[in-house]
N, C-alpha and C. Protein backbone atom coordinates (compact mmCIF):
# COMPACT_ATOMS: atom_id res chain seq x y z
N MET A 1 101.23 89.62 106.48
CA MET A 1 101.38 91.18 105.20
C MET A 1 100.52 90.63 104.46
N MET A 2 99.88 92.30 104.22
CA MET A 2 98.55 91.85 103.39
C MET A 2 98.66 92.08 101.91
N GLU A 3 98.38 91.33 101.26
CA GLU A 3 98.54 91.12 99.90
C GLU A 3 97.25 91.86 98.98
N ILE A 4 97.51 92.69 98.03
CA ILE A 4 96.18 93.25 97.21
C ILE A 4 96.34 92.65 95.76
N VAL A 5 95.38 92.28 95.51
CA VAL A 5 95.21 91.34 93.93
C VAL A 5 94.09 91.97 93.30
N ASN A 6 94.81 92.99 91.92
CA ASN A 6 93.82 93.29 91.09
C ASN A 6 93.68 92.77 89.79
N GLN A 7 92.33 92.65 89.49
CA GLN A 7 92.24 92.05 87.93
C GLN A 7 92.29 93.25 87.09
N VAL A 8 93.26 93.22 86.00
CA VAL A 8 93.17 94.02 85.00
C VAL A 8 93.31 93.52 83.27
N PHE A 9 92.40 94.31 82.53
CA PHE A 9 92.34 94.14 81.33
C PHE A 9 93.32 94.90 80.22
N LEU A 10 94.16 93.87 79.52
CA LEU A 10 95.15 94.36 78.07
C LEU A 10 94.17 95.01 77.67
N ASP A 11 93.88 96.15 77.44
CA ASP A 11 93.48 96.93 76.15
C ASP A 11 94.24 96.92 74.72
N ARG A 12 95.35 97.37 74.91
CA ARG A 12 96.27 97.27 73.53
C ARG A 12 97.39 97.93 74.05
N PHE A 13 98.44 97.57 72.94
CA PHE A 13 99.74 98.25 73.20
C PHE A 13 99.92 99.54 72.17
N GLU A 14 100.58 100.32 72.61
CA GLU A 14 100.70 101.47 72.08
C GLU A 14 102.35 101.74 71.88
N GLU A 15 102.92 101.45 70.55
CA GLU A 15 104.58 101.33 70.83
C GLU A 15 105.26 100.31 71.85
N ASP A 16 105.75 100.96 73.18
CA ASP A 16 106.60 100.30 74.00
C ASP A 16 105.53 100.47 75.17
N GLN A 17 104.47 100.48 75.11
CA GLN A 17 103.44 100.88 76.61
C GLN A 17 102.50 99.93 76.21
N ALA A 18 101.70 99.38 77.27
CA ALA A 18 100.90 98.76 77.58
C ALA A 18 99.50 99.48 78.36
N VAL A 19 98.79 99.41 77.17
CA VAL A 19 97.45 100.19 77.94
C VAL A 19 96.22 98.93 78.70
N LEU A 20 96.22 99.45 80.14
CA LEU A 20 95.42 98.17 80.76
C LEU A 20 94.60 99.13 81.37
N TYR A 21 93.38 97.96 81.86
CA TYR A 21 92.36 98.55 82.46
C TYR A 21 91.85 98.01 83.62
N LEU A 22 92.01 98.53 85.18
CA LEU A 22 91.75 98.01 86.46
C LEU A 22 90.26 98.08 86.81
N GLY A 23 89.79 97.12 87.44
CA GLY A 23 88.49 97.17 87.70
C GLY A 23 87.59 96.26 86.83
N ASP A 24 86.51 95.64 87.77
CA ASP A 24 85.30 94.79 87.20
C ASP A 24 84.35 95.64 86.44
N ASP A 25 84.04 96.59 86.70
CA ASP A 25 82.83 97.60 86.34
C ASP A 25 83.18 98.41 85.17
N THR A 26 83.03 98.21 83.93
CA THR A 26 83.15 99.38 83.02
C THR A 26 83.01 100.92 83.34
N SER A 27 82.07 101.24 84.12
CA SER A 27 81.74 102.29 83.95
C SER A 27 83.11 103.29 85.21
N SER A 28 83.46 102.52 86.18
CA SER A 28 84.45 102.97 87.04
C SER A 28 85.77 102.46 86.60
N MET A 29 86.45 101.77 85.46
CA MET A 29 87.49 101.29 85.31
C MET A 29 88.50 102.45 85.08
N LYS A 30 89.75 102.27 85.58
CA LYS A 30 91.03 103.09 85.96
C LYS A 30 91.99 102.49 84.76
N LYS A 31 92.24 103.30 84.16
CA LYS A 31 93.30 103.14 82.64
C LYS A 31 94.74 103.16 83.39
N ILE A 32 95.54 102.20 82.96
CA ILE A 32 96.81 102.27 83.91
C ILE A 32 97.95 102.13 82.55
N ILE A 33 98.85 102.62 82.32
CA ILE A 33 99.71 102.76 81.45
C ILE A 33 101.19 101.91 82.20
N LEU A 34 101.57 101.21 81.58
CA LEU A 34 102.88 100.35 82.00
C LEU A 34 103.99 100.08 80.45
N PRO A 35 105.01 100.11 81.05
CA PRO A 35 105.65 100.02 80.21
C PRO A 35 105.79 98.40 79.52
N ARG A 36 105.96 97.92 78.50
CA ARG A 36 105.58 96.93 77.78
C ARG A 36 106.34 95.83 78.47
N GLU A 37 107.80 96.16 78.71
CA GLU A 37 108.26 95.00 79.20
C GLU A 37 108.22 94.74 80.67
N MET A 38 107.38 95.60 81.21
CA MET A 38 107.13 94.85 82.74
C MET A 38 105.78 93.74 82.63
N LEU A 39 105.29 93.31 80.91
CA LEU A 39 104.41 92.32 81.13
C LEU A 39 105.39 90.86 80.53
N PRO A 40 104.78 89.82 80.67
CA PRO A 40 104.76 88.93 80.03
C PRO A 40 105.12 88.88 78.73
N GLU A 41 106.09 88.19 78.04
CA GLU A 41 106.04 88.05 76.81
C GLU A 41 104.71 87.78 75.98
N ASN A 42 104.51 86.61 76.71
CA ASN A 42 103.26 86.10 75.61
C ASN A 42 102.26 86.67 75.75
N VAL A 43 101.81 87.93 76.28
CA VAL A 43 100.50 88.34 76.58
C VAL A 43 100.03 89.23 75.36
N SER A 44 98.77 89.14 75.15
CA SER A 44 98.35 89.89 73.96
C SER A 44 96.98 90.80 74.09
N ASP A 45 96.66 91.59 73.47
CA ASP A 45 95.42 92.64 73.04
C ASP A 45 93.89 91.40 73.80
N GLY A 46 93.60 92.35 74.68
CA GLY A 46 92.53 91.26 75.27
C GLY A 46 92.48 90.35 76.22
N ASP A 47 93.71 90.26 77.15
CA ASP A 47 94.29 89.21 78.02
C ASP A 47 93.81 90.16 79.07
N HIS A 48 93.14 88.87 80.16
CA HIS A 48 93.24 89.15 81.46
C HIS A 48 94.11 88.98 82.23
N LEU A 49 94.59 89.59 83.00
CA LEU A 49 96.01 89.70 84.11
C LEU A 49 95.80 89.81 85.35
N THR A 50 96.59 89.68 86.09
CA THR A 50 96.61 89.66 87.82
C THR A 50 97.69 90.33 88.00
N ILE A 51 97.59 91.54 88.86
CA ILE A 51 98.33 92.36 89.44
C ILE A 51 98.34 92.32 90.91
N LYS A 52 99.84 92.02 91.43
CA LYS A 52 99.90 91.76 93.17
C LYS A 52 100.44 92.71 93.71
N ILE A 53 99.95 93.36 94.59
CA ILE A 53 100.88 94.64 95.32
C ILE A 53 100.73 94.27 96.81
N ASP A 54 102.04 94.34 97.07
CA ASP A 54 101.95 94.27 98.79
C ASP A 54 103.18 94.85 99.26
N VAL A 55 103.17 95.32 100.33
CA VAL A 55 104.63 96.12 100.87
C VAL A 55 106.05 95.29 101.13
N ASP A 56 106.86 95.79 100.60
CA ASP A 56 108.48 95.28 100.91
C ASP A 56 108.94 95.55 102.06
N GLN A 57 108.72 95.09 103.21
CA GLN A 57 109.04 95.92 104.40
C GLN A 57 110.35 96.18 104.53
N GLU A 58 111.18 95.15 104.00
CA GLU A 58 112.56 95.06 104.18
C GLU A 58 112.98 96.35 103.55
N ALA A 59 112.45 96.48 102.07
CA ALA A 59 113.27 97.50 101.41
C ALA A 59 113.23 98.50 101.92
N THR A 60 111.50 98.92 102.46
CA THR A 60 111.18 100.11 103.41
C THR A 60 111.86 100.44 104.63
N THR A 61 112.42 99.63 105.47
CA THR A 61 113.21 99.65 106.55
C THR A 61 114.71 99.96 105.76
N ASP A 62 115.17 99.50 104.76
CA ASP A 62 116.48 99.92 104.30
C ASP A 62 116.19 101.27 104.04
N ALA A 63 115.29 101.81 103.36
CA ALA A 63 115.77 103.19 102.69
C ALA A 63 115.16 104.14 103.80
N GLU A 64 114.47 103.52 104.95
CA GLU A 64 114.27 104.53 106.23
C GLU A 64 115.54 104.84 106.73
N ASP A 65 116.44 103.31 106.90
CA ASP A 65 117.59 103.81 107.50
C ASP A 65 118.82 104.42 106.73
N GLU A 66 118.59 104.18 105.21
CA GLU A 66 119.55 105.22 104.55
C GLU A 66 119.12 106.65 104.75
N ALA A 67 117.95 107.07 104.76
CA ALA A 67 118.25 108.39 105.13
C ALA A 67 117.87 108.84 106.39
N ILE A 68 117.90 108.23 107.39
CA ILE A 68 117.98 108.55 108.56
C ILE A 68 119.75 108.99 108.59
N SER A 69 120.62 107.74 108.27
CA SER A 69 122.13 107.95 107.86
C SER A 69 122.37 109.14 107.38
N ILE A 70 121.69 109.85 106.20
CA ILE A 70 122.01 110.76 105.49
C ILE A 70 121.95 111.68 106.14
N LEU A 71 120.94 112.10 107.14
CA LEU A 71 120.18 113.28 107.74
C LEU A 71 121.31 113.19 108.89
N GLN A 72 121.55 112.35 109.37
CA GLN A 72 122.47 112.52 110.48
C GLN A 72 124.06 112.75 110.40
N ARG A 73 124.47 112.22 108.88
CA ARG A 73 125.94 112.81 108.51
C ARG A 73 125.71 114.35 108.14
N LEU A 74 124.37 114.69 107.66
CA LEU A 74 124.32 116.33 107.05
C LEU A 74 124.43 116.89 108.49
N LYS A 75 123.43 116.43 109.31
CA LYS A 75 123.60 117.22 110.56
C LYS A 75 124.82 117.63 111.38
N ASN A 76 125.68 116.17 111.40
CA ASN A 76 127.11 116.29 111.81
C ASN A 76 128.09 117.30 111.39
N ARG A 77 127.97 117.38 109.61
CA ARG A 77 128.60 118.30 108.88
C ARG A 77 128.62 119.41 109.32
N LYS A 78 127.24 119.86 109.38
CA LYS A 78 126.79 121.42 109.82
C LYS A 78 127.21 121.77 110.94
N ARG A 79 127.52 120.63 112.30
CA ARG A 79 128.13 121.19 113.38
C ARG A 79 129.58 121.15 113.32
N ASP A 80 130.37 120.23 112.27
CA ASP A 80 131.93 120.75 112.28
C ASP A 80 131.89 121.85 111.52
N ASP A 81 131.01 122.66 110.80
CA ASP A 81 131.59 123.54 109.88
C ASP A 81 131.37 124.97 110.80
N LYS A 82 130.39 124.57 112.23
CA LYS A 82 130.41 125.83 112.80
C LYS A 82 131.52 125.90 113.70
N SER A 83 132.45 124.79 113.94
CA SER A 83 133.30 124.96 114.86
C SER A 83 134.56 125.52 114.23
């Protein structure tokens, strides 16, 4: 599994939202808004944080299986309605 690690800078809080900037180069930083509750309690303006992103293969497979199951049930229901 490949994991992506990003460094972000916590610029400020606006009510219940955290304003973060992603990237190292100030000319190309991307603004990210997250709910404050998604951050550790002890963070404050000016802190540098790490965000790790990876694929949850089990959740992806489960969601795909559920979608296939729903489609199959709908297909069977349409077939039964034609009878």
